[in-house]
Amino acid sequence: MKTYELTYIISSQLMSSEADGLMKEVESFIQSKDGVVLKSEKTAAQPLAYQIKKQSSGYFAILTFQTAEDK
């Protein structure tokens, strides 16, 4: 198994609990593909360097996981 790190941005328009739920969905997807989640963390809403889809801030989610290379 190979170790990967995934960083993605969640809209700051969501409540923190909704962002946590979205993170759980991503983790469940990885686990459904026989992956193993090693570490999962989320920052507080951070300002973005430039707007993405008219949004100027977001939660940064960082996920470290292992899965087979062919997955």
Protein backbone atom coordinates (compact mmCIF):
# COMPACT_ATOMS: atom_id res chain seq x y z
CA MET A 1 0.00 0.00 0.00
CA LYS A 2 1.13 3.50 -0.81
CA THR A 3 0.58 6.58 1.40
CA TYR A 4 -1.19 9.62 -0.07
CA GLU A 5 -2.08 13.07 1.22
CA LEU A 6 -5.18 14.86 0.00
CA THR A 7 -5.86 18.54 0.71
CA TYR A 8 -9.17 20.05 -0.31
CA ILE A 9 -11.17 23.18 0.46
CA ILE A 10 -14.71 23.11 1.89
CA SER A 11 -16.94 26.15 1.52
CA SER A 12 -17.00 28.39 4.59
CA GLN A 13 -20.71 28.95 3.98
CA LEU A 14 -21.26 25.54 5.59
CA MET A 15 -21.48 25.23 9.35
CA SER A 16 -18.48 23.53 10.97
CA SER A 17 -20.60 20.45 11.75
CA GLU A 18 -21.69 20.22 8.10
CA ALA A 19 -18.05 20.43 7.01
CA ASP A 20 -17.25 17.59 9.43
CA GLY A 21 -20.02 15.53 7.83
CA LEU A 22 -18.57 16.15 4.38
CA MET A 23 -15.15 15.04 5.62
CA LYS A 24 -16.72 11.82 6.97
CA GLU A 25 -18.21 11.18 3.51
CA VAL A 26 -14.78 11.49 1.88
CA GLU A 27 -13.26 9.17 4.50
CA SER A 28 -16.07 6.63 3.95
CA PHE A 29 -15.44 6.72 0.20
CA ILE A 30 -11.74 5.96 0.71
CA GLN A 31 -12.56 3.15 3.13
CA SER A 32 -15.07 1.69 0.65
CA LYS A 33 -12.18 1.38 -1.83
CA ASP A 34 -10.17 -0.64 0.74
CA GLY A 35 -8.18 2.39 1.85
CA VAL A 36 -7.03 3.11 5.39
CA VAL A 37 -7.36 6.63 6.81
CA LEU A 38 -4.27 7.46 8.85
CA LYS A 39 -4.96 11.09 9.75
CA SER A 40 -7.75 13.58 9.15
CA GLU A 41 -7.79 17.22 10.19
CA LYS A 42 -9.63 20.43 9.37
CA THR A 43 -8.55 24.02 9.93
CA ALA A 44 -10.78 26.89 10.97
CA ALA A 45 -12.10 28.96 8.08
CA GLN A 46 -9.07 30.54 6.38
CA PRO A 47 -8.96 33.42 3.88
CA LEU A 48 -8.06 32.35 0.34
CA ALA A 49 -5.35 34.10 -1.67
CA TYR A 50 -7.92 34.72 -4.40
CA GLN A 51 -11.62 34.02 -4.79
CA ILE A 52 -12.83 30.63 -5.98
CA LYS A 53 -16.41 30.64 -7.26
CA LYS A 54 -16.94 34.04 -5.58
CA GLN A 55 -15.85 32.73 -2.18
CA SER A 56 -13.01 34.36 -0.28
CA SER A 57 -12.56 31.83 2.57
CA GLY A 58 -12.88 28.13 3.28
CA TYR A 59 -12.02 25.21 5.56
CA PHE A 60 -8.86 23.37 4.56
CA ALA A 61 -9.24 19.61 5.04
CA ILE A 62 -6.09 17.48 5.10
CA LEU A 63 -6.40 13.72 4.82
CA THR A 64 -3.56 11.18 4.94
CA PHE A 65 -4.47 7.67 3.83
CA GLN A 66 -3.07 4.44 2.42
CA THR A 67 -4.47 2.47 -0.47
CA ALA A 68 -3.30 0.13 -3.20
CA GLU A 69 -1.69 1.89 -6.15
CA ASP A 70 -4.26 0.51 -8.60
CA LYS A 71 -7.19 2.04 -6.69
